[in-house]
Protein backbone atom coordinates (compact mmCIF):
# COMPACT_ATOMS: atom_id res chain seq x y z
CA UNK A 1 -14.40 20.62 19.30
CA UNK A 2 -15.69 19.89 16.08
CA UNK A 3 -16.90 22.24 13.31
CA UNK A 4 -20.73 23.12 12.32
CA UNK A 5 -21.26 22.65 8.34
CA UNK A 6 -20.37 25.57 6.36
CA UNK A 7 -19.51 26.41 3.29
CA UNK A 8 -17.99 29.87 2.00
CA UNK A 9 -18.77 28.94 -1.50
CA UNK A 10 -21.61 26.49 -3.31
CA UNK A 11 -21.81 24.89 -7.00
CA UNK A 12 -23.30 21.77 -8.36
CA UNK A 13 -20.85 20.24 -6.97
CA UNK A 14 -19.11 19.95 -3.63
CA UNK A 15 -18.73 23.58 -2.05
CA UNK A 16 -14.99 25.13 -1.47
CA UNK A 17 -15.29 24.26 1.43
CA UNK A 18 -16.78 20.72 1.26
CA UNK A 19 -15.69 19.09 4.11
CA UNK A 20 -17.41 20.82 6.74
CA UNK A 21 -20.61 19.93 4.99
CA UNK A 22 -20.30 16.53 3.63
CA UNK A 23 -19.42 14.57 7.18
CA UNK A 24 -20.90 12.78 9.87
CA UNK A 25 -19.05 14.39 12.65
CA UNK A 26 -20.47 17.51 10.86
CA UNK A 27 -24.12 16.47 10.79
CA UNK A 28 -23.48 15.48 14.40
CA UNK A 29 -22.12 18.82 15.37
CA UNK A 30 -25.35 20.38 13.58
CA UNK A 31 -27.66 18.35 14.98
CA UNK A 32 -26.56 19.53 18.64
CA UNK A 33 -26.86 23.24 16.86
CA UNK A 34 -23.44 23.66 17.93
CA UNK A 35 -21.87 26.88 17.08
CA UNK A 36 -19.10 26.82 14.13
CA UNK A 37 -15.25 27.07 14.85
CA UNK A 38 -15.34 27.14 18.62
CA UNK A 39 -11.80 28.00 19.96
CA UNK A 40 -10.95 26.92 23.04
CA UNK A 41 -8.29 27.87 25.67
CA UNK A 42 -5.04 26.24 26.88
CA UNK A 43 -1.70 27.60 27.07
CA UNK A 44 1.35 28.92 28.82
CA UNK A 45 1.31 31.86 30.97
CA UNK A 46 2.55 35.12 30.61
CA UNK A 47 3.20 35.30 26.68
CA UNK A 48 1.08 37.45 24.08
CA UNK A 49 -0.37 34.34 22.60
CA UNK A 50 -1.92 36.06 19.39
CA UNK A 51 -3.44 39.19 21.66
CA UNK A 52 -1.32 41.69 19.36
CA UNK A 53 -3.54 44.91 18.18
CA UNK A 54 -3.26 48.31 18.15
CA UNK A 55 -0.22 50.12 17.07
CA UNK A 56 1.72 47.01 17.13
CA UNK A 57 -0.68 45.01 15.31
CA UNK A 58 -0.18 47.50 12.64
CA UNK A 59 3.05 46.78 11.98
CA UNK A 60 2.74 43.31 11.70
CA UNK A 61 0.00 43.35 9.49
CA UNK A 62 -0.27 42.85 5.38
CA UNK A 63 -1.66 46.06 3.18
CA UNK A 64 -5.26 45.48 2.61
CA UNK A 65 -5.36 45.59 -1.30
CA UNK A 66 -9.08 45.40 -3.02
CA UNK A 67 -8.82 43.15 -5.74
CA UNK A 68 -10.68 44.46 -9.16
CA UNK A 69 -10.30 41.15 -11.11
CA UNK A 70 -13.80 40.19 -10.48
CA UNK A 71 -16.80 42.08 -9.02
CA UNK A 72 -18.83 40.41 -7.27
CA UNK A 73 -22.85 40.91 -8.05
CA UNK A 74 -23.52 41.91 -4.53
CA UNK A 75 -21.14 43.48 -2.36
CA UNK A 76 -20.47 42.58 1.11
CA UNK A 77 -22.13 44.93 3.60
CA UNK A 78 -22.28 45.31 7.36
CA UNK A 79 -19.93 42.30 7.49
CA UNK A 80 -21.55 39.80 5.08
CA UNK A 81 -20.32 37.39 2.22
CA UNK A 82 -20.09 39.07 -1.04
CA UNK A 83 -22.71 37.74 -3.70
CA UNK A 84 -22.40 36.16 -6.82
CA UNK A 85 -25.53 35.25 -8.37
CA UNK A 86 -24.52 34.35 -12.11
CA UNK A 87 -22.89 31.54 -13.60
CA UNK A 88 -19.33 31.75 -14.60
CA UNK A 89 -18.62 32.78 -17.95
CA UNK A 90 -16.52 29.62 -18.90
CA UNK A 91 -15.34 31.56 -21.95
CA UNK A 92 -14.20 34.97 -20.40
CA UNK A 93 -12.29 33.62 -17.28
CA UNK A 94 -10.03 36.27 -15.95
CA UNK A 95 -6.34 35.50 -14.66
CA UNK A 96 -5.44 36.82 -11.16
CA UNK A 97 -1.98 35.19 -11.18
CA UNK A 98 -0.13 35.86 -14.60
CA UNK A 99 2.87 33.95 -13.93
CA UNK A 100 3.88 30.66 -12.26
CA UNK A 101 5.52 32.56 -8.39
CA UNK A 102 6.60 29.04 -7.21
CA UNK A 103 10.07 28.28 -7.79
CA UNK A 104 9.98 24.21 -7.54
CA UNK A 105 10.12 23.54 -3.66
CA UNK A 106 8.62 20.32 -2.24
CA UNK A 107 6.26 21.14 0.62
CA UNK A 108 4.49 18.47 2.94
CA UNK A 109 1.70 19.41 4.26
CA UNK A 110 -0.91 17.94 6.73
CA UNK A 111 -4.16 18.95 6.98
CA UNK A 112 -7.69 17.22 8.22
CA UNK A 113 -9.64 15.13 5.41
CA UNK A 114 -13.51 14.12 5.95
CA UNK A 115 -13.28 11.18 3.92
CA UNK A 116 -10.95 9.09 1.77
CA UNK A 117 -7.51 10.92 0.97
CA UNK A 118 -6.83 10.52 -2.91
CA UNK A 119 -3.39 9.37 -4.10
CA UNK A 120 -0.47 12.19 -4.39
CA UNK A 121 -0.40 11.79 -8.39
CA UNK A 122 -4.03 11.88 -8.95
CA UNK A 123 -4.35 14.72 -12.01
CA UNK A 124 -5.87 17.10 -10.02
CA UNK A 125 -3.03 17.86 -7.28
CA UNK A 126 -0.55 17.81 -10.35
CA UNK A 127 -2.15 19.80 -12.57
CA UNK A 128 -2.44 22.58 -9.46
CA UNK A 129 1.28 21.73 -8.63
CA UNK A 130 2.24 22.61 -11.72
CA UNK A 131 0.21 25.34 -12.24
CA UNK A 132 2.10 27.12 -9.10
CA UNK A 133 5.32 25.67 -9.34
CA UNK A 134 5.51 23.45 -6.27
CA UNK A 135 5.55 19.93 -5.81
CA UNK A 136 3.13 19.35 -2.89
CA UNK A 137 2.84 15.95 -0.95
CA UNK A 138 -0.24 15.60 0.87
CA UNK A 139 -0.33 14.24 4.68
CA UNK A 140 -4.19 14.12 5.12
CA UNK A 141 -5.60 12.97 8.79
CA UNK A 142 -8.94 11.95 9.64
CA UNK A 143 -10.43 14.91 10.64
CA UNK A 144 -12.53 13.49 13.65
CA UNK A 145 -9.32 12.33 15.32
CA UNK A 146 -7.05 15.42 14.19
CA UNK A 147 -6.87 17.25 17.52
CA UNK A 148 -5.03 14.04 18.48
CA UNK A 149 -2.51 13.78 15.46
CA UNK A 150 -2.19 17.46 15.62
CA UNK A 151 -0.74 17.11 18.90
CA UNK A 152 1.04 13.77 18.34
CA UNK A 153 3.15 15.80 15.72
CA UNK A 154 3.65 18.94 17.38
CA UNK A 155 5.18 17.20 19.74
CA UNK A 156 7.68 15.80 18.23
CA UNK A 157 10.99 16.58 15.80
CA UNK A 158 9.48 15.32 12.54
CA UNK A 159 7.08 18.24 12.06
CA UNK A 160 5.79 18.42 8.24
CA UNK A 161 6.43 22.01 6.13
CA UNK A 162 2.99 23.05 6.62
CA UNK A 163 0.43 22.33 9.15
CA UNK A 164 -3.29 23.20 8.91
CA UNK A 165 -4.88 23.87 12.05
CA UNK A 166 -8.68 24.56 12.66
CA UNK A 167 -9.94 26.84 15.39
CA UNK A 168 -11.84 24.70 16.91
CA UNK A 169 -8.14 22.35 17.45
CA UNK A 170 -6.68 25.54 19.37
CA UNK A 171 -6.44 23.79 22.77
CA UNK A 172 -4.28 22.49 25.28
CA UNK A 173 -0.79 22.45 24.77
CA UNK A 174 -1.41 23.26 20.67
CA UNK A 175 -1.23 27.15 20.76
CA UNK A 176 2.09 27.13 22.93
CA UNK A 177 3.49 24.69 20.17
CA UNK A 178 2.67 26.60 17.69
CA UNK A 179 4.57 29.75 18.72
CA UNK A 180 7.52 27.36 19.70
CA UNK A 181 7.81 25.69 16.22
CA UNK A 182 5.92 27.46 12.92
CA UNK A 183 7.70 30.38 11.30
CA UNK A 184 7.02 34.37 11.26
CA UNK A 185 5.38 35.09 8.15
CA UNK A 186 6.01 38.96 8.60
CA UNK A 187 9.03 39.14 6.68
CA UNK A 188 6.93 38.41 3.60
CA UNK A 189 4.04 39.55 4.00
CA UNK A 190 3.80 42.44 6.39
CA UNK A 191 2.82 45.99 5.15
CA UNK A 192 3.59 46.29 1.44
CA UNK A 193 5.16 43.50 1.42
CA UNK A 194 2.19 41.32 0.51
CA UNK A 195 1.82 43.24 -2.66
CA UNK A 196 4.06 40.55 -4.29
CA UNK A 197 0.97 38.49 -3.88
CA UNK A 198 -2.15 40.07 -4.75
CA UNK A 199 -4.85 37.43 -4.13
CA UNK A 200 -3.50 37.32 -0.33
CA UNK A 201 -3.55 41.31 -0.09
CA UNK A 202 -6.93 40.95 -0.91
CA UNK A 203 -7.56 39.23 2.50
CA UNK A 204 -9.27 41.11 4.75
CA UNK A 205 -7.61 43.06 7.71
CA UNK A 206 -10.14 41.68 10.47
CA UNK A 207 -8.58 37.69 9.04
CA UNK A 208 -4.72 38.90 9.22
CA UNK A 209 -5.54 40.28 12.96
CA UNK A 210 -6.59 37.01 13.80
CA UNK A 211 -3.56 35.40 12.16
CA UNK A 212 -1.12 36.85 14.75
CA UNK A 213 0.24 34.00 17.23
CA UNK A 214 2.42 34.79 19.88
CA UNK A 215 3.25 38.42 18.60
CA UNK A 216 3.93 37.44 15.12
CA UNK A 217 2.13 37.22 11.83
CA UNK A 218 2.05 33.29 11.82
CA UNK A 219 -0.22 32.19 9.65
CA UNK A 220 -2.30 32.15 6.15
CA UNK A 221 -6.22 32.42 7.44
CA UNK A 222 -9.50 30.89 5.98
CA UNK A 223 -11.42 34.63 6.12
CA UNK A 224 -14.96 34.32 7.10
CA UNK A 225 -18.00 36.48 7.57
CA UNK A 226 -18.05 37.83 10.86
CA UNK A 227 -22.19 37.82 11.17
CA UNK A 228 -23.66 34.41 12.98
CA UNK A 229 -23.79 31.30 10.84
CA UNK A 230 -26.32 30.36 12.60
CA UNK A 231 -29.77 31.29 11.34
CA UNK A 232 -33.34 30.00 11.83
CA UNK A 233 -34.45 28.14 9.29
CA UNK A 234 -38.70 28.03 8.62
CA UNK A 235 -40.68 25.59 6.01
CA UNK A 236 -41.69 28.87 3.88
CA UNK A 237 -43.74 26.30 1.73
CA UNK A 238 -45.70 25.06 5.05
CA UNK A 239 -46.08 28.36 6.24
CA UNK A 240 -47.59 29.77 3.05
CA UNK A 241 -49.85 26.57 2.83
CA UNK A 242 -51.06 26.76 6.64
CA UNK A 243 -51.32 30.77 6.47
CA UNK A 244 -48.93 31.32 9.11
CA UNK A 245 -47.98 34.68 10.01
CA UNK A 246 -43.52 35.15 10.91
CA UNK A 247 -43.42 35.62 14.44
CA UNK A 248 -41.83 39.11 15.40
CA UNK A 249 -41.51 38.27 19.31
CA UNK A 250 -40.43 35.78 21.87
CA UNK A 251 -43.95 35.83 23.08
CA UNK A 252 -45.40 35.80 19.21
CA UNK A 253 -42.98 32.63 18.45
CA UNK A 254 -44.03 30.20 21.78
CA UNK A 255 -47.94 30.86 20.70
CA UNK A 256 -47.30 30.19 17.17
CA UNK A 257 -45.71 26.97 18.28
CA UNK A 258 -48.42 25.52 20.45
CA UNK A 259 -50.78 26.35 17.45
CA UNK A 260 -48.17 24.70 14.59
CA UNK A 261 -47.89 21.62 16.75
CA UNK A 262 -49.40 18.31 15.73
CA UNK A 263 -47.67 15.10 17.84
CA UNK A 264 -50.62 12.87 16.50
CA UNK A 265 -49.65 14.06 12.87
CA UNK A 266 -45.71 14.27 14.00
CA UNK A 267 -45.17 17.71 13.47
CA UNK A 268 -43.64 19.57 15.80
CA UNK A 269 -43.04 23.93 15.77
CA UNK A 270 -39.44 23.55 15.91
CA UNK A 271 -35.93 21.85 16.54
CA UNK A 272 -33.85 22.82 19.55
CA UNK A 273 -33.46 26.22 19.25
CA UNK A 274 -30.81 27.39 21.77
CA UNK A 275 -28.30 29.24 19.83
CA UNK A 276 -31.05 31.14 18.07
CA UNK A 277 -32.03 32.21 21.63
CA UNK A 278 -28.99 33.67 22.97
CA UNK A 279 -29.20 35.75 19.31
CA UNK A 280 -32.68 36.76 20.08
CA UNK A 281 -32.01 37.63 23.30
CA UNK A 282 -28.39 39.48 22.56
CA UNK A 283 -26.11 36.79 24.66
CA UNK A 284 -22.35 37.19 23.69
CA UNK A 285 -21.50 35.01 21.08
CA UNK A 286 -20.39 31.37 22.11
CA UNK A 287 -18.45 30.49 19.34
CA UNK A 288 -15.19 31.04 20.84
CA UNK A 289 -14.52 31.72 24.65
CA UNK A 290 -12.77 35.00 24.30
CA UNK A 291 -16.21 36.30 22.90
CA UNK A 292 -17.99 35.63 26.06
CA UNK A 293 -16.65 38.50 27.55
CA UNK A 294 -16.94 42.40 26.97
CA UNK A 295 -16.03 45.87 28.78
CA UNK A 296 -19.33 47.17 30.46
CA UNK A 297 -19.40 50.03 32.32
CA UNK A 298 -15.72 49.99 33.11
CA UNK A 299 -16.14 46.21 34.01
CA UNK A 300 -15.44 42.86 31.77
CA UNK A 301 -18.25 40.75 32.05
CA UNK A 302 -19.25 37.24 30.86
CA UNK A 303 -21.97 36.18 29.36
CA UNK A 304 -23.10 33.54 31.88
CA UNK A 305 -23.11 36.48 34.31
CA UNK A 306 -26.09 38.59 31.96
CA UNK A 307 -29.62 38.54 32.39
CA UNK A 308 -29.92 37.98 28.67
CA UNK A 309 -28.15 34.53 29.16
CA UNK A 310 -30.75 33.70 31.92
CA UNK A 311 -33.31 34.93 29.86
CA UNK A 312 -32.26 33.23 26.70
CA UNK A 313 -32.24 29.82 28.88
CA UNK A 314 -35.72 30.55 29.99
CA UNK A 315 -37.56 30.96 26.88
CA UNK A 316 -36.28 27.98 25.72
CA UNK A 317 -37.70 26.10 28.60
CA UNK A 318 -40.87 27.24 28.06
CA UNK A 319 -41.01 26.03 24.28
CA UNK A 320 -39.29 22.12 25.64
CA UNK A 321 -41.90 22.65 28.70
CA UNK A 322 -45.05 23.51 26.13
CA UNK A 323 -43.71 20.15 24.24
CA UNK A 324 -43.76 22.12 20.63
CA UNK A 325 -39.80 21.26 20.33
CA UNK A 326 -39.50 17.82 18.21
CA UNK A 327 -39.12 14.67 21.14
CA UNK A 328 -35.68 13.33 19.29
CA UNK A 329 -34.05 17.11 19.48
CA UNK A 330 -34.88 16.75 23.51
CA UNK A 331 -33.08 13.06 23.42
CA UNK A 332 -30.38 14.46 21.47
CA UNK A 333 -30.53 12.04 18.74
CA UNK A 334 -31.12 12.17 15.07
CA UNK A 335 -30.30 14.85 12.41
CA UNK A 336 -32.52 18.28 12.71
CA UNK A 337 -32.13 19.09 9.35
CA UNK A 338 -33.32 15.57 8.10
CA UNK A 339 -36.44 16.55 10.97
CA UNK A 340 -36.73 19.63 8.99
CA UNK A 341 -36.89 18.70 5.79
CA UNK A 342 -39.03 15.88 6.42
CA UNK A 343 -41.65 18.31 7.32
CA UNK A 344 -41.91 17.19 11.15
CA UNK A 345 -40.44 20.16 12.84
CA UNK A 346 -41.26 23.57 10.76
CA UNK A 347 -38.45 25.68 12.34
CA UNK A 348 -34.64 24.73 13.20
CA UNK A 349 -31.38 26.25 13.51
CA UNK A 350 -28.02 25.42 11.35
CA UNK A 351 -25.54 27.15 9.70
CA UNK A 352 -26.46 29.14 6.87
CA UNK A 353 -24.52 26.73 4.63
CA UNK A 354 -27.72 24.46 4.83
CA UNK A 355 -30.18 27.17 2.50
CA UNK A 356 -28.40 25.91 -0.29
CA UNK A 357 -27.26 22.16 0.69
CA UNK A 358 -31.16 21.57 1.78
CA UNK A 359 -32.66 23.45 -1.40
CA UNK A 360 -30.12 21.62 -4.14
CA UNK A 361 -31.09 18.30 -2.26
CA UNK A 362 -34.86 18.46 -2.07
CA UNK A 363 -35.26 20.21 -5.56
CA UNK A 364 -33.79 17.02 -6.77
CA UNK A 365 -36.43 15.02 -5.46
CA UNK A 366 -39.14 17.63 -6.71
CA UNK A 367 -40.73 17.87 -3.27
CA UNK A 368 -42.03 21.13 -3.66
CA UNK A 369 -39.87 22.35 -0.54
CA UNK A 370 -38.92 25.79 0.02
CA UNK A 371 -37.09 27.27 3.02
CA UNK A 372 -36.46 30.69 4.54
CA UNK A 373 -35.01 32.31 7.16
CA UNK A 374 -36.26 34.46 9.86
CA UNK A 375 -34.72 37.92 10.63
CA UNK A 376 -33.61 37.40 14.32
CA UNK A 377 -35.23 39.85 16.15
CA UNK A 378 -35.75 41.16 20.34
CA UNK A 379 -37.93 39.30 22.27
CA UNK A 380 -40.05 42.34 22.55
CA UNK A 381 -39.99 42.87 18.93
CA UNK A 382 -37.59 45.49 18.50
CA UNK A 383 -34.21 45.20 16.45
CA UNK A 384 -31.94 42.45 17.84
CA UNK A 385 -28.56 42.41 19.57
CA UNK A 386 -25.59 40.33 17.37
CA UNK A 387 -22.71 39.36 18.44
CA UNK A 388 -19.93 39.28 15.92
CA UNK A 389 -18.17 35.76 15.21
CA UNK A 390 -14.29 35.90 14.66
CA UNK A 391 -13.23 36.75 11.28
CA UNK A 392 -11.09 33.66 10.37
CA UNK A 393 -11.20 30.20 12.04
CA UNK A 394 -9.08 28.07 9.94
CA UNK A 395 -5.19 28.64 9.48
CA UNK A 396 -2.42 27.71 7.92
CA UNK A 397 1.33 27.59 9.29
CA UNK A 398 4.37 27.22 7.91
CA UNK A 399 7.60 24.89 9.73
CA UNK A 400 10.17 27.40 11.68
CA UNK A 401 12.49 25.23 9.96
CA UNK A 402 11.22 25.26 6.38
CA UNK A 403 13.47 27.07 3.95
CA UNK A 404 13.48 30.99 2.44
CA UNK A 405 12.42 29.35 -0.54
CA UNK A 406 9.74 26.83 0.51
CA UNK A 407 8.09 29.92 2.76
CA UNK A 408 8.10 31.60 -0.59
CA UNK A 409 6.65 28.73 -2.56
CA UNK A 410 4.12 28.13 -0.20
CA UNK A 411 3.04 31.70 -0.26
CA UNK A 412 2.72 31.57 -4.29
CA UNK A 413 0.38 28.37 -3.57
CA UNK A 414 -1.48 30.32 -1.10
CA UNK A 415 -2.06 33.05 -3.44
CA UNK A 416 -2.75 31.14 -6.65
CA UNK A 417 -5.85 29.50 -4.21
CA UNK A 418 -6.89 32.51 -2.67
CA UNK A 419 -7.90 33.73 -6.59
CA UNK A 420 -11.89 34.78 -6.61
CA UNK A 421 -14.51 33.41 -8.00
CA UNK A 422 -14.49 33.64 -11.94
CA UNK A 423 -11.16 33.42 -12.52
CA UNK A 424 -8.96 30.24 -13.90
CA UNK A 425 -6.99 29.89 -10.87
CA UNK A 426 -10.40 29.02 -9.08
CA UNK A 427 -11.77 26.94 -11.35
CA UNK A 428 -8.67 24.94 -11.04
CA UNK A 429 -8.33 24.86 -7.29
CA UNK A 430 -11.88 24.60 -6.85
CA UNK A 431 -13.16 22.10 -9.90
CA UNK A 432 -9.82 20.84 -10.50
CA UNK A 433 -9.55 19.13 -14.47
CA UNK A 434 -11.94 19.79 -17.19
CA UNK A 435 -13.00 16.41 -18.79
CA UNK A 436 -11.59 14.58 -15.81
CA UNK A 437 -12.82 16.54 -12.49
CA UNK A 438 -15.78 18.03 -14.04
CA UNK A 439 -17.95 18.31 -17.12
CA UNK A 440 -20.53 21.23 -18.17
CA UNK A 441 -23.67 20.53 -17.65
CA UNK A 442 -26.31 23.47 -18.80
CA UNK A 443 -23.23 25.26 -19.25
CA UNK A 444 -22.39 24.56 -15.56
CA UNK A 445 -19.10 23.00 -14.55
CA UNK A 446 -20.66 19.98 -12.90
CA UNK A 447 -18.19 17.35 -10.48
CA UNK A 448 -17.65 13.87 -12.49
CA UNK A 449 -17.12 10.79 -9.63
CA UNK A 450 -13.35 11.35 -9.85
CA UNK A 451 -13.89 15.05 -8.96
CA UNK A 452 -16.21 14.44 -6.30
CA UNK A 453 -13.14 11.86 -4.70
CA UNK A 454 -10.55 13.77 -5.34
CA UNK A 455 -10.85 17.60 -5.61
CA UNK A 456 -11.65 18.56 -1.86
CA UNK A 457 -10.27 19.18 1.57
CA UNK A 458 -6.43 19.97 -0.22
CA UNK A 459 -5.76 23.02 -1.65
CA UNK A 460 -8.80 25.06 -0.23
CA UNK A 461 -6.85 25.06 2.79
CA UNK A 462 -3.80 26.37 1.22
CA UNK A 463 -5.45 29.94 0.63
CA UNK A 464 -8.84 31.71 0.33
CA UNK A 465 -10.29 34.94 -0.83
CA UNK A 466 -12.58 37.11 1.32
CA UNK A 467 -15.86 35.24 2.25
CA UNK A 468 -18.04 34.85 -0.73
CA UNK A 469 -21.40 32.72 -1.81
CA UNK A 470 -22.06 31.98 -4.85
CA UNK A 471 -24.68 28.80 -6.36
CA UNK A 472 -25.00 28.80 -9.94
CA UNK A 473 -27.29 26.23 -10.08
CA UNK A 474 -29.36 28.43 -7.49
CA UNK A 475 -28.65 31.82 -7.32
CA UNK A 476 -31.55 32.80 -5.84
CA UNK A 477 -30.31 31.44 -2.49
CA UNK A 478 -26.72 32.86 -2.71
CA UNK A 479 -28.85 36.25 -2.86
CA UNK A 480 -31.50 35.40 0.23
CA UNK A 481 -27.86 34.26 2.03
CA UNK A 482 -26.05 37.57 1.65
CA UNK A 483 -29.13 39.70 1.75
CA UNK A 484 -29.68 37.81 5.23
CA UNK A 485 -26.45 38.50 6.42
CA UNK A 486 -26.68 42.27 5.44
CA UNK A 487 -29.50 43.31 7.33
CA UNK A 488 -28.57 40.86 10.48
CA UNK A 489 -25.19 42.87 10.09
CA UNK A 490 -26.51 46.26 10.80
CA UNK A 491 -27.18 45.06 14.23
CA UNK A 492 -24.03 43.32 14.69
CA UNK A 493 -21.39 44.51 17.45
CA UNK A 494 -18.09 43.75 17.98
CA UNK A 495 -17.08 42.69 21.57
CA UNK A 496 -13.71 43.60 23.40
CA UNK A 497 -11.91 40.45 22.25
CA UNK A 498 -13.20 40.45 18.29
CA UNK A 499 -10.36 39.50 15.89
CA UNK A 500 -7.98 38.14 18.44
CA UNK A 501 -6.56 34.30 19.01
CA UNK A 502 -6.46 34.37 23.02
CA UNK A 503 -4.93 31.64 24.96
CA UNK A 504 -6.09 31.24 28.21
CA UNK A 505 -3.65 30.21 30.99
CA UNK A 506 -3.79 26.38 31.50
CA UNK A 507 -5.48 27.06 35.33
CA UNK A 508 -8.70 28.43 33.73
CA UNK A 509 -8.82 25.88 30.50
CA UNK A 510 -11.66 23.93 31.79
CA UNK A 511 -13.00 26.71 34.33
CA UNK A 512 -16.35 26.98 31.93
CA UNK A 513 -16.36 23.33 30.67
CA UNK A 514 -19.93 22.23 32.23
CA UNK A 515 -22.22 24.88 31.35
CA UNK A 516 -23.30 23.65 27.78
CA UNK A 517 -24.33 20.26 29.12
CA UNK A 518 -26.10 22.50 32.23
CA UNK A 519 -27.75 24.79 29.54
CA UNK A 520 -28.86 21.63 27.79
CA UNK A 521 -30.34 20.38 31.14
CA UNK A 522 -31.90 23.50 32.04
CA UNK A 523 -33.88 23.80 28.94
CA UNK A 524 -34.88 20.21 28.62
CA UNK A 525 -36.39 21.07 32.39
CA UNK A 526 -33.86 18.41 34.12
CA UNK A 527 -32.14 21.23 35.85
CA UNK A 528 -33.69 24.93 37.13
CA UNK A 529 -32.06 28.37 36.39
CA UNK A 530 -31.11 28.58 40.00
CA UNK A 531 -28.54 25.49 39.40
CA UNK A 532 -27.18 28.07 36.72
CA UNK A 533 -26.90 30.87 39.11
CA UNK A 534 -25.40 28.61 41.42
CA UNK A 535 -22.93 27.40 39.23
CA UNK A 536 -21.90 30.95 38.03
CA UNK A 537 -21.32 31.29 41.58
CA UNK A 538 -19.22 28.78 41.91
CA UNK A 539 -17.23 29.76 38.77
CA UNK A 540 -16.32 33.12 40.21
CA UNK A 541 -14.93 31.95 43.36
CA UNK A 542 -12.91 28.43 41.45
CA UNK A 543 -11.48 30.89 38.97
CA UNK A 544 -13.58 33.09 37.24
CA UNK A 545 -12.66 36.29 38.87
CA UNK A 546 -9.11 35.47 38.43
CA UNK A 547 -9.97 35.05 34.83
CA UNK A 548 -11.38 38.29 34.39
CA UNK A 549 -8.60 40.13 36.12
CA UNK A 550 -6.32 38.31 33.31
CA UNK A 551 -8.70 39.05 30.70
CA UNK A 552 -8.96 42.80 32.11
CA UNK A 553 -4.84 42.91 32.02
CA UNK A 554 -4.75 41.93 28.52
CA UNK A 555 -7.35 44.76 27.32
CA UNK A 556 -5.26 47.55 29.32
CA UNK A 557 -2.08 46.50 27.96
CA UNK A 558 -2.96 45.30 23.91
CA UNK A 559 -6.42 47.12 23.90
CA UNK A 560 -9.24 45.84 21.43
CA UNK A 561 -9.15 45.10 17.93
CA UNK A 562 -12.78 45.65 17.53
CA UNK A 563 -13.89 48.73 16.02
């Protein structure tokens, strides 16, 4: 599976996670409405496979020590990202790593990259290596085929010192290879040991919990907000010009959509909204199969067995049937975000990063474009029931054969790159070398062509602070994003397997693979709701009930990490 467009921060140049928002594959994922960071099943039977929780996990998890180096303008609340709405004061940058922690080790790091890899001796790589005290050689691989390369490398005896594994690549034999070939970082990070790396100590505990694989703390995680990243955007400028009121119920939305659609003028109310439909109807989060399960009245229930799942599909089917959805969405072609910015569709759902990316793009063109975001409502207009996404989705591992010094030097690198916004370390790891990779324009750091070509998809993998949003050139967008997350976070629950890395047994791996296509066929009128009900019945008899028993035993043996 591939990532949806996403960024944990923003700037006048590419974001800290620009690899997720600047590629054709990411755009294709968004066009299909796919949620971010899908982690699929697969693996061997009978092992813990990252299910450790409760008291057993407490012994493994690093002690949390909040960072006070830089205080965000908008603190995290209800699971939201923190927000920074002011430009970085480049004359008063804070220091979060007062002394060089690296011991000079050489580290070969393999990571996905969407773009052309720069040379390993470029000024950015050289400056970070020198600041940390390491000698990193990057082995960048094509992100579009990274799962294939990852599988081949993990099956070989020639493993790099450090390997990045996105959550959407946790399938097939990869999870079992992780347990067999990567080092236990617990002796360096568990409990108070993490205090040797203050920026890593400030990484949220939930993200570390997600980094337990095979009963050991094996990875440095990329933290994320657990609030849904799929946002229902609307053309605020057009709504205001037309005098439209924001719908507040499922029926109101359908009525508005019929009014707003004018096919002759090539204007449709919306694009495909399946993932928003799931949120409106309270369907268990779909970004990780483990999150499809929840304990209800003593029984584990999968989302495909719930009434709300069928109701969401039926509502989306009504939108298609009323011809209020853009025809290219029905044909599954083109880019939903382009149709939105062109005014051909007035509502679309996409990753929260689009709020900044689309606004910044349109401001340059001076189009008068303005976008907003619906607050998700329950079908009847009451408070919604939303489900938490996983608190981390990309993981970086160290080869089990690495020396102690190499592990320490990798953690020194991770600590440096996990520096908070507004620090010297942040500026170097995110923007590169001043005068070469970025210059100042209007007091804001702005990437040069060289910076855009070299400062991405590298050191941002090796360490990250708690999730944050910052757009110095559009501070109002960061504020809107964080406030939306906070409002939606107030209605967000954690399902039974939140925060756990689960590897399903091989015999269940492909059990639910056909449901996404079936959902798309149903909402487009090619299949019926009864076909879904039959598929659920088949799923139960072909292994679904067995998978339920397997998950229930996991829950009984390990407990839930949700709180």
